[in-house]
Structure formats: C-alpha cells, structure tokens
Amino acid sequence: MNSGLFCVVEGIDGSGKSTLLHGLRAHYQSRYAPYSELVCLREPTDAAPGRAIRAHLRNEDQLTPVQWLELFFADREINVREHILPALSAGAFIIQDRYFYSTAAYQGILPSDTINAAEISNDTRGSIAIESNPDSTSHPSVETSTEATDNNYQAITPAQIVAQSRERFPEPDVLLFLDIAPEAAMQRIRNTRQNFESFETLEQLRRIDRAYRSILPPATVYLPANQSPEQVLATAVRAIEKSRRTLKS
C-alpha cells in the first residue's frame, strides 16, 4: 500500500486560502490516485475544542493566553489521532486548511514586537505566556496563572510553538503558503466582508505575516497570491505533483 501524502495550506486572512482549497478539492476529487482517497481537513476542527475556538472568536471572548493554547493543542491532538494518522496509514491524500504554523503565527509573539506582559495576557487572539526558567534545559512549561509579571514571564515566540508542535505532531509533506502583502490582503477583506474578525486589522496582518515568515521551513512553497485564482491553483498543483514524484522515488 502507498504511504499517504499530507498537504497543508497556510496564509494570512485575505490571502485567498479558501479559494485555493476549494480549487484543490475540485481538482483532486477524481485525481487522487495512487492514494486510497482524498481527505479534506481543517483546523480548528469540528471537535469540541475546535467548536469552542470558533465560538470564542465569534463572540470575541477574552480568554487567557493559556486557555487559547490549551484549546488549540487539544483540538490538534484529536485531529492527529482520529483523522491525520489513520488517513496516512491508509494511504490517503490529505489536504488540510491550517495547522500548527497558524497557531504559531497567530498566537506567538516575535521578539521584535513591543508588547508587555499585561498586554500579552489580555490579547484576544491568545499569545502565550510561559514561565521563564533560565536554569532549565527542557522546554518551558505553560504557566496557568493569569497574573503575569515582567520579571517572571515572557512571551512564547512562534519558533517555540513550532518546536513544541514538531515534538507532538507529524509535519506535512507539502506546505503551501499564500504569499501576499498584508496591505493587499486587508483590501480584499474590506472588499468582500461586512464583518471583520478582531485580528483582521492591517497592524495585526503585518504582525502575523512577520511571524509566518520567521517560522516557515525552507521547503515551503510560496504561492504568489496576487495572481489569478487559476494561476495560483496551477502553481499549487505543480508543487504537489513534484512532491508526489519525489516521495514516490
């Protein structure tokens, strides 16, 4: 039996990710051979933690950073255990909307970002506060207290989130990133949506874009998202087919 293929699509809001995913699903619906089937997944999922994430975002609830982190990781644990690993074991071709790179980009704080501990704790989108322990050689443990101080806490970076995720979750075989300027993405959002999420501001999109670019691995395929949907899809398909041939050999 062929081993499966795990493809993840990432990008900031307004990059055209939903359009590309729709195109990939349509293209591979009858072209997934030699894989056993086409499996389309997303994060947050429809499991209980994923539904909670969507509800909190929709209601703009003020969760603590640790609460956000626990929800995202719990949701991913379920997705990996119940969907990703079984599908790969069965030789399926997986196309997934967002993965741990999104958690790192949206929740992480870059060292260059000017933000203090109180702002981190109150960030609606959920940047993660961790206990600082300079004498420890292990990964820092998530601190459950919501009362952060400048001396005892620091912001966990996108790179730290990725490092912790790689220890717990499988990495994708193909990682597609929709490459677009935050200004262009913001204009798309304004042109197509009546209601914005709390993180859909130009400043936030710029921060998320910087975070993405600080963590994406060298093998990432950057798709020029300023092209037409048809051109973006064609580029993505070529990248996937190249990876399929490489893995097969």
C-alpha atoms as a PDB file:
ATOM      1  CA  MET A   1       0.000   0.000   0.000  1.00  0.00           C
ATOM      2  CA  ASN A   2       1.209   3.511  -0.797  1.00  0.00           C
ATOM      3  CA  SER A   3       2.034   5.740   2.150  1.00  0.00           C
ATOM      4  CA  GLY A   4      -0.194   8.774   2.391  1.00  0.00           C
ATOM      5  CA  LEU A   5       0.535  12.377   1.451  1.00  0.00           C
ATOM      6  CA  PHE A   6      -0.086  15.239   3.888  1.00  0.00           C
ATOM      7  CA  CYS A   7      -0.519  18.696   2.312  1.00  0.00           C
ATOM      8  CA  VAL A   8      -1.173  21.827   4.407  1.00  0.00           C
ATOM      9  CA  VAL A   9      -2.283  25.241   3.139  1.00  0.00           C
ATOM     10  CA  GLU A  10      -1.360  28.325   5.179  1.00  0.00           C
ATOM     11  CA  GLY A  11      -1.730  32.079   4.776  1.00  0.00           C
ATOM     12  CA  ILE A  12      -2.863  35.258   6.447  1.00  0.00           C
ATOM     13  CA  ASP A  13      -6.509  36.271   6.279  1.00  0.00           C
ATOM     14  CA  GLY A  14      -7.387  37.721   2.901  1.00  0.00           C
ATOM     15  CA  SER A  15      -4.716  35.721   1.078  1.00  0.00           C
ATOM     16  CA  GLY A  16      -7.184  33.623  -0.935  1.00  0.00           C
ATOM     17  CA  LYS A  17      -6.741  30.446   1.075  1.00  0.00           C
ATOM     18  CA  SER A  18     -10.393  29.396   0.937  1.00  0.00           C
ATOM     19  CA  THR A  19     -10.464  29.869  -2.842  1.00  0.00           C
ATOM     20  CA  LEU A  20      -7.341  27.760  -3.289  1.00  0.00           C
ATOM     21  CA  LEU A  21      -8.640  24.999  -1.017  1.00  0.00           C
ATOM     22  CA  HIS A  22     -11.878  24.855  -2.987  1.00  0.00           C
ATOM     23  CA  GLY A  23      -9.876  24.596  -6.212  1.00  0.00           C
ATOM     24  CA  LEU A  24      -7.620  21.851  -4.852  1.00  0.00           C
ATOM     25  CA  ARG A  25     -10.595  19.825  -3.646  1.00  0.00           C
ATOM     26  CA  ALA A  26     -12.265  20.098  -7.046  1.00  0.00           C
ATOM     27  CA  HIS A  27      -9.058  19.259  -8.927  1.00  0.00           C
ATOM     28  CA  TYR A  28      -8.127  16.207  -6.868  1.00  0.00           C
ATOM     29  CA  GLN A  29     -11.619  14.852  -6.316  1.00  0.00           C
ATOM     30  CA  SER A  30     -11.042  12.349  -9.129  1.00  0.00           C
ATOM     31  CA  ARG A  31      -7.245  12.611  -9.400  1.00  0.00           C
ATOM     32  CA  TYR A  32      -6.030  11.347  -6.034  1.00  0.00           C
ATOM     33  CA  ALA A  33      -4.608   8.035  -7.371  1.00  0.00           C
ATOM     34  CA  PRO A  34      -2.343   6.290  -6.447  1.00  0.00           C
ATOM     35  CA  TYR A  35      -3.590   7.288  -2.978  1.00  0.00           C
ATOM     36  CA  SER A  36      -6.538   5.456  -1.459  1.00  0.00           C
ATOM     37  CA  GLU A  37      -8.785   8.515  -1.129  1.00  0.00           C
ATOM     38  CA  LEU A  38      -8.876  12.289  -0.828  1.00  0.00           C
ATOM     39  CA  VAL A  39      -9.350  13.547   2.744  1.00  0.00           C
ATOM     40  CA  CYS A  40     -10.026  17.251   3.363  1.00  0.00           C
ATOM     41  CA  LEU A  41      -9.476  18.554   6.899  1.00  0.00           C
ATOM     42  CA  ARG A  42      -9.350  21.905   8.646  1.00  0.00           C
ATOM     43  CA  GLU A  43      -8.235  23.444  11.903  1.00  0.00           C
ATOM     44  CA  PRO A  44      -9.938  24.431  14.079  1.00  0.00           C
ATOM     45  CA  THR A  45     -11.855  21.168  13.596  1.00  0.00           C
ATOM     46  CA  ASP A  46     -15.471  20.306  14.332  1.00  0.00           C
ATOM     47  CA  ALA A  47     -14.485  18.507  17.545  1.00  0.00           C
ATOM     48  CA  ALA A  48     -15.481  20.071  20.865  1.00  0.00           C
ATOM     49  CA  PRO A  49     -12.272  22.133  21.327  1.00  0.00           C
ATOM     50  CA  GLY A  50     -12.486  23.367  17.736  1.00  0.00           C
ATOM     51  CA  ARG A  51     -16.122  24.388  18.139  1.00  0.00           C
ATOM     52  CA  ALA A  52     -15.176  26.225  21.318  1.00  0.00           C
ATOM     53  CA  ILE A  53     -12.407  28.097  19.489  1.00  0.00           C
ATOM     54  CA  ARG A  54     -14.802  29.214  16.755  1.00  0.00           C
ATOM     55  CA  ALA A  55     -17.417  30.293  19.299  1.00  0.00           C
ATOM     56  CA  HIS A  56     -14.902  32.283  21.335  1.00  0.00           C
ATOM     57  CA  LEU A  57     -13.566  34.007  18.212  1.00  0.00           C
ATOM     58  CA  ARG A  58     -17.074  34.771  17.003  1.00  0.00           C
ATOM     59  CA  ASN A  59     -18.022  36.247  20.382  1.00  0.00           C
ATOM     60  CA  GLU A  60     -14.621  37.968  20.814  1.00  0.00           C
ATOM     61  CA  ASP A  61     -14.332  36.384  24.270  1.00  0.00           C
ATOM     62  CA  GLN A  62     -11.395  37.469  26.414  1.00  0.00           C
ATOM     63  CA  LEU A  63      -9.712  34.123  27.093  1.00  0.00           C
ATOM     64  CA  THR A  64      -6.337  33.979  28.784  1.00  0.00           C
ATOM     65  CA  PRO A  65      -3.329  33.047  26.647  1.00  0.00           C
ATOM     66  CA  VAL A  66      -3.074  29.645  28.327  1.00  0.00           C
ATOM     67  CA  GLN A  67      -6.740  28.918  27.654  1.00  0.00           C
ATOM     68  CA  TRP A  68      -6.247  29.647  23.946  1.00  0.00           C
ATOM     69  CA  LEU A  69      -3.175  27.434  23.799  1.00  0.00           C
ATOM     70  CA  GLU A  70      -4.900  24.549  25.561  1.00  0.00           C
ATOM     71  CA  LEU A  71      -7.844  24.716  23.162  1.00  0.00           C
ATOM     72  CA  PHE A  72      -5.703  24.756  20.020  1.00  0.00           C
ATOM     73  CA  PHE A  73      -3.461  21.923  21.189  1.00  0.00           C
ATOM     74  CA  ALA A  74      -6.395  19.820  22.414  1.00  0.00           C
ATOM     75  CA  ASP A  75      -8.128  20.283  19.074  1.00  0.00           C
ATOM     76  CA  ARG A  76      -4.974  19.285  17.189  1.00  0.00           C
ATOM     77  CA  GLU A  77      -4.419  16.224  19.366  1.00  0.00           C
ATOM     78  CA  ILE A  78      -7.870  14.973  18.357  1.00  0.00           C
ATOM     79  CA  ASN A  79      -7.326  15.807  14.691  1.00  0.00           C
ATOM     80  CA  VAL A  80      -3.986  13.995  14.534  1.00  0.00           C
ATOM     81  CA  ARG A  81      -5.158  10.957  16.485  1.00  0.00           C
ATOM     82  CA  GLU A  82      -8.563  10.489  14.855  1.00  0.00           C
ATOM     83  CA  HIS A  83      -8.028  11.792  11.323  1.00  0.00           C
ATOM     84  CA  ILE A  84      -4.484  12.552  10.149  1.00  0.00           C
ATOM     85  CA  LEU A  85      -2.619   9.445  11.336  1.00  0.00           C
ATOM     86  CA  PRO A  86      -5.361   6.956  10.346  1.00  0.00           C
ATOM     87  CA  ALA A  87      -5.686   8.565   6.901  1.00  0.00           C
ATOM     88  CA  LEU A  88      -1.933   8.500   6.301  1.00  0.00           C
ATOM     89  CA  SER A  89      -1.747   4.885   7.466  1.00  0.00           C
ATOM     90  CA  ALA A  90      -4.494   4.030   4.976  1.00  0.00           C
ATOM     91  CA  GLY A  91      -2.549   5.685   2.164  1.00  0.00           C
ATOM     92  CA  ALA A  92      -4.823   8.714   1.756  1.00  0.00           C
ATOM     93  CA  PHE A  93      -4.037  12.108   0.246  1.00  0.00           C
ATOM     94  CA  ILE A  94      -4.796  14.773   2.885  1.00  0.00           C
ATOM     95  CA  ILE A  95      -5.396  18.438   2.089  1.00  0.00           C
ATOM     96  CA  GLN A  96      -5.673  20.453   5.306  1.00  0.00           C
ATOM     97  CA  ASP A  97      -6.675  24.053   5.937  1.00  0.00           C
ATOM     98  CA  ARG A  98      -4.227  25.399   8.577  1.00  0.00           C
ATOM     99  CA  TYR A  99      -2.004  23.513  11.032  1.00  0.00           C
ATOM    100  CA  PHE A 100       0.413  24.319  13.848  1.00  0.00           C
ATOM    101  CA  TYR A 101       2.070  27.027  11.738  1.00  0.00           C
ATOM    102  CA  SER A 102      -1.139  29.044  12.076  1.00  0.00           C
ATOM    103  CA  THR A 103      -1.111  28.641  15.848  1.00  0.00           C
ATOM    104  CA  ALA A 104       2.494  29.836  15.933  1.00  0.00           C
ATOM    105  CA  ALA A 105       1.884  32.805  13.630  1.00  0.00           C
ATOM    106  CA  TYR A 106      -1.369  33.978  15.224  1.00  0.00           C
ATOM    107  CA  GLN A 107      -0.634  33.160  18.864  1.00  0.00           C
ATOM    108  CA  GLY A 108       3.127  33.679  19.044  1.00  0.00           C
ATOM    109  CA  ILE A 109       4.905  36.930  19.809  1.00  0.00           C
ATOM    110  CA  LEU A 110       8.060  37.866  17.906  1.00  0.00           C
ATOM    111  CA  PRO A 111      10.986  39.204  19.983  1.00  0.00           C
ATOM    112  CA  SER A 112      10.798  42.413  17.926  1.00  0.00           C
ATOM    113  CA  ASP A 113       7.173  43.024  18.884  1.00  0.00           C
ATOM    114  CA  THR A 114       6.854  45.703  21.539  1.00  0.00           C
ATOM    115  CA  ILE A 115       4.313  44.305  23.968  1.00  0.00           C
ATOM    116  CA  ASN A 116       4.411  43.964  27.736  1.00  0.00           C
ATOM    117  CA  ALA A 117       3.225  41.107  29.914  1.00  0.00           C
ATOM    118  CA  ALA A 118      -0.119  42.703  30.740  1.00  0.00           C
ATOM    119  CA  GLU A 119      -0.878  43.206  27.052  1.00  0.00           C
ATOM    120  CA  ILE A 120       0.080  39.606  26.335  1.00  0.00           C
ATOM    121  CA  SER A 121      -2.348  38.323  28.964  1.00  0.00           C
ATOM    122  CA  ASN A 122      -5.181  40.425  27.564  1.00  0.00           C
ATOM    123  CA  ASP A 123      -4.549  39.727  23.860  1.00  0.00           C
ATOM    124  CA  THR A 124      -7.888  38.494  22.497  1.00  0.00           C
ATOM    125  CA  ARG A 125      -6.167  36.277  19.974  1.00  0.00           C
ATOM    126  CA  GLY A 126      -4.242  34.484  22.684  1.00  0.00           C
ATOM    127  CA  SER A 127      -0.495  34.982  22.708  1.00  0.00           C
ATOM    128  CA  ILE A 128       1.034  32.502  25.127  1.00  0.00           C
ATOM    129  CA  ALA A 129       2.614  33.458  28.441  1.00  0.00           C
ATOM    130  CA  ILE A 130       5.163  30.964  29.778  1.00  0.00           C
ATOM    131  CA  GLU A 131       7.208  30.706  32.917  1.00  0.00           C
ATOM    132  CA  SER A 132      10.790  31.777  32.374  1.00  0.00           C
ATOM    133  CA  ASN A 133      13.340  29.345  33.832  1.00  0.00           C
ATOM    134  CA  PRO A 134      16.877  30.123  32.668  1.00  0.00           C
ATOM    135  CA  ASP A 135      18.341  27.156  34.588  1.00  0.00           C
ATOM    136  CA  SER A 136      16.179  24.595  32.802  1.00  0.00           C
ATOM    137  CA  THR A 137      17.309  22.837  29.622  1.00  0.00           C
ATOM    138  CA  SER A 138      13.854  21.479  28.843  1.00  0.00           C
ATOM    139  CA  HIS A 139      11.043  23.255  27.038  1.00  0.00           C
ATOM    140  CA  PRO A 140       9.350  25.866  29.245  1.00  0.00           C
ATOM    141  CA  SER A 141       6.121  24.716  30.798  1.00  0.00           C
ATOM    142  CA  VAL A 142       2.935  26.627  30.174  1.00  0.00           C
ATOM    143  CA  GLU A 143       2.119  28.765  33.195  1.00  0.00           C
ATOM    144  CA  THR A 144      -1.547  28.565  34.162  1.00  0.00           C
ATOM    145  CA  SER A 145      -1.575  31.707  36.269  1.00  0.00           C
ATOM    146  CA  THR A 146      -3.139  34.724  34.588  1.00  0.00           C
ATOM    147  CA  GLU A 147      -1.225  37.222  36.713  1.00  0.00           C
ATOM    148  CA  ALA A 148       1.940  37.772  34.721  1.00  0.00           C
ATOM    149  CA  THR A 149       4.785  39.996  35.826  1.00  0.00           C
ATOM    150  CA  ASP A 150       7.651  41.377  33.781  1.00  0.00           C
ATOM    151  CA  ASN A 151      10.208  39.511  35.924  1.00  0.00           C
ATOM    152  CA  ASN A 152       8.658  36.044  35.828  1.00  0.00           C
ATOM    153  CA  TYR A 153       7.068  35.778  32.393  1.00  0.00           C
ATOM    154  CA  GLN A 154       7.959  36.206  28.775  1.00  0.00           C
ATOM    155  CA  ALA A 155       6.044  35.802  25.532  1.00  0.00           C
ATOM    156  CA  ILE A 156       6.486  32.472  23.811  1.00  0.00           C
ATOM    157  CA  THR A 157       7.725  33.014  20.286  1.00  0.00           C
ATOM    158  CA  PRO A 158       6.374  31.483  17.075  1.00  0.00           C
ATOM    159  CA  ALA A 159       9.577  29.425  16.834  1.00  0.00           C
ATOM    160  CA  GLN A 160       8.982  27.964  20.298  1.00  0.00           C
ATOM    161  CA  ILE A 161       5.435  26.974  19.401  1.00  0.00           C
ATOM    162  CA  VAL A 162       6.669  25.273  16.222  1.00  0.00           C
ATOM    163  CA  ALA A 163       9.432  23.454  18.121  1.00  0.00           C
ATOM    164  CA  GLN A 164       6.960  22.140  20.695  1.00  0.00           C
ATOM    165  CA  SER A 165       4.489  21.174  17.962  1.00  0.00           C
ATOM    166  CA  ARG A 166       7.083  19.219  15.994  1.00  0.00           C
ATOM    167  CA  GLU A 167       7.683  17.054  19.049  1.00  0.00           C
ATOM    168  CA  ARG A 168       3.996  16.146  19.237  1.00  0.00           C
ATOM    169  CA  PHE A 169       2.566  16.261  15.722  1.00  0.00           C
ATOM    170  CA  PRO A 170       3.604  15.000  12.252  1.00  0.00           C
ATOM    171  CA  GLU A 171       4.981  17.558   9.822  1.00  0.00           C
ATOM    172  CA  PRO A 172       3.301  17.957   6.429  1.00  0.00           C
ATOM    173  CA  ASP A 173       4.867  16.516   3.284  1.00  0.00           C
ATOM    174  CA  VAL A 174       3.823  19.623   1.341  1.00  0.00           C
ATOM    175  CA  LEU A 175       3.444  23.075   2.891  1.00  0.00           C
ATOM    176  CA  LEU A 176       1.843  25.737   0.689  1.00  0.00           C
ATOM    177  CA  PHE A 177       1.927  29.376   1.794  1.00  0.00           C
ATOM    178  CA  LEU A 178      -0.117  32.027   0.015  1.00  0.00           C
ATOM    179  CA  ASP A 179       2.304  34.915  -0.336  1.00  0.00           C
ATOM    180  CA  ILE A 180       0.600  38.315  -0.314  1.00  0.00           C
ATOM    181  CA  ALA A 181       1.344  41.768   1.050  1.00  0.00           C
ATOM    182  CA  PRO A 182      -0.713  42.489   4.191  1.00  0.00           C
ATOM    183  CA  GLU A 183      -1.952  45.714   2.575  1.00  0.00           C
ATOM    184  CA  ALA A 184      -3.377  43.793  -0.382  1.00  0.00           C
ATOM    185  CA  ALA A 185      -4.920  41.203   1.936  1.00  0.00           C
ATOM    186  CA  MET A 186      -6.554  43.941   4.008  1.00  0.00           C
ATOM    187  CA  GLN A 187      -8.035  45.496   0.868  1.00  0.00           C
ATOM    188  CA  ARG A 188      -9.504  42.133  -0.124  1.00  0.00           C
ATOM    189  CA  ILE A 189     -11.080  41.755   3.299  1.00  0.00           C
ATOM    190  CA  ARG A 190     -12.629  45.216   3.082  1.00  0.00           C
ATOM    191  CA  ASN A 191     -13.969  44.494  -0.401  1.00  0.00           C
ATOM    192  CA  THR A 192     -15.525  41.118   0.385  1.00  0.00           C
ATOM    193  CA  ARG A 193     -16.612  41.093   4.035  1.00  0.00           C
ATOM    194  CA  GLN A 194     -19.094  43.103   6.035  1.00  0.00           C
ATOM    195  CA  ASN A 195     -17.939  41.850   9.438  1.00  0.00           C
ATOM    196  CA  PHE A 196     -14.279  41.597  10.407  1.00  0.00           C
ATOM    197  CA  GLU A 197     -12.672  39.328  13.000  1.00  0.00           C
ATOM    198  CA  SER A 198     -10.871  41.064  15.866  1.00  0.00           C
ATOM    199  CA  PHE A 199      -7.487  40.195  14.344  1.00  0.00           C
ATOM    200  CA  GLU A 200      -8.346  41.454  10.853  1.00  0.00           C
ATOM    201  CA  THR A 201      -6.612  44.818  11.032  1.00  0.00           C
ATOM    202  CA  LEU A 202      -3.648  45.924   8.959  1.00  0.00           C
ATOM    203  CA  GLU A 203      -1.403  46.049  12.017  1.00  0.00           C
ATOM    204  CA  GLN A 204      -2.369  42.531  13.029  1.00  0.00           C
ATOM    205  CA  LEU A 205      -1.991  41.175   9.491  1.00  0.00           C
ATOM    206  CA  ARG A 206       1.504  42.649   9.330  1.00  0.00           C
ATOM    207  CA  ARG A 207       2.419  41.056  12.653  1.00  0.00           C
ATOM    208  CA  ILE A 208       1.040  37.671  11.603  1.00  0.00           C
ATOM    209  CA  ASP A 209       2.826  37.877   8.249  1.00  0.00           C
ATOM    210  CA  ARG A 210       6.146  38.589  10.001  1.00  0.00           C
ATOM    211  CA  ALA A 211       5.558  35.673  12.337  1.00  0.00           C
ATOM    212  CA  TYR A 212       4.798  33.302   9.475  1.00  0.00           C
ATOM    213  CA  ARG A 213       7.979  34.279   7.635  1.00  0.00           C
ATOM    214  CA  SER A 214      10.043  33.687  10.764  1.00  0.00           C
ATOM    215  CA  ILE A 215       8.926  30.046  11.119  1.00  0.00           C
ATOM    216  CA  LEU A 216       8.153  28.596   7.694  1.00  0.00           C
ATOM    217  CA  PRO A 217      10.666  25.846   6.837  1.00  0.00           C
ATOM    218  CA  PRO A 218      12.952  26.064   3.773  1.00  0.00           C
ATOM    219  CA  ALA A 219      10.867  23.541   1.820  1.00  0.00           C
ATOM    220  CA  THR A 220       7.763  25.771   1.982  1.00  0.00           C
ATOM    221  CA  VAL A 221       6.210  26.508  -1.411  1.00  0.00           C
ATOM    222  CA  TYR A 222       5.382  30.216  -1.664  1.00  0.00           C
ATOM    223  CA  LEU A 223       2.418  30.828  -3.960  1.00  0.00           C
ATOM    224  CA  PRO A 224       2.127  34.349  -5.477  1.00  0.00           C
ATOM    225  CA  ALA A 225      -1.347  35.160  -4.178  1.00  0.00           C
ATOM    226  CA  ASN A 226      -1.582  38.348  -6.255  1.00  0.00           C
ATOM    227  CA  GLN A 227      -2.096  36.185  -9.347  1.00  0.00           C
ATOM    228  CA  SER A 228      -5.481  34.985 -10.578  1.00  0.00           C
ATOM    229  CA  PRO A 229      -7.100  32.073  -8.699  1.00  0.00           C
ATOM    230  CA  GLU A 230      -6.490  29.866 -11.734  1.00  0.00           C
ATOM    231  CA  GLN A 231      -2.777  30.705 -11.788  1.00  0.00           C
ATOM    232  CA  VAL A 232      -2.421  30.150  -8.042  1.00  0.00           C
ATOM    233  CA  LEU A 233      -4.161  26.775  -8.327  1.00  0.00           C
ATOM    234  CA  ALA A 234      -1.953  25.717 -11.236  1.00  0.00           C
ATOM    235  CA  THR A 235       1.194  26.619  -9.276  1.00  0.00           C
ATOM    236  CA  ALA A 236      -0.059  24.720  -6.237  1.00  0.00           C
ATOM    237  CA  VAL A 237      -0.881  21.624  -8.297  1.00  0.00           C
ATOM    238  CA  ARG A 238       2.577  21.647  -9.875  1.00  0.00           C
ATOM    239  CA  ALA A 239       4.178  21.852  -6.428  1.00  0.00           C
ATOM    240  CA  ILE A 240       2.056  18.984  -5.114  1.00  0.00           C
ATOM    241  CA  GLU A 241       2.783  16.803  -8.139  1.00  0.00           C
ATOM    242  CA  LYS A 242       6.505  17.461  -7.781  1.00  0.00           C
ATOM    243  CA  SER A 243       6.362  16.404  -4.138  1.00  0.00           C
ATOM    244  CA  ARG A 244       4.379  13.298  -5.034  1.00  0.00           C
ATOM    245  CA  ARG A 245       7.027  12.252  -7.557  1.00  0.00           C
ATOM    246  CA  THR A 246       9.838  12.972  -5.095  1.00  0.00           C
ATOM    247  CA  LEU A 247       8.249  10.964  -2.295  1.00  0.00           C
ATOM    248  CA  LYS A 248       7.437   8.099  -4.642  1.00  0.00           C
ATOM    249  CA  SER A 249      11.054   7.843  -5.771  1.00  0.00           C
END
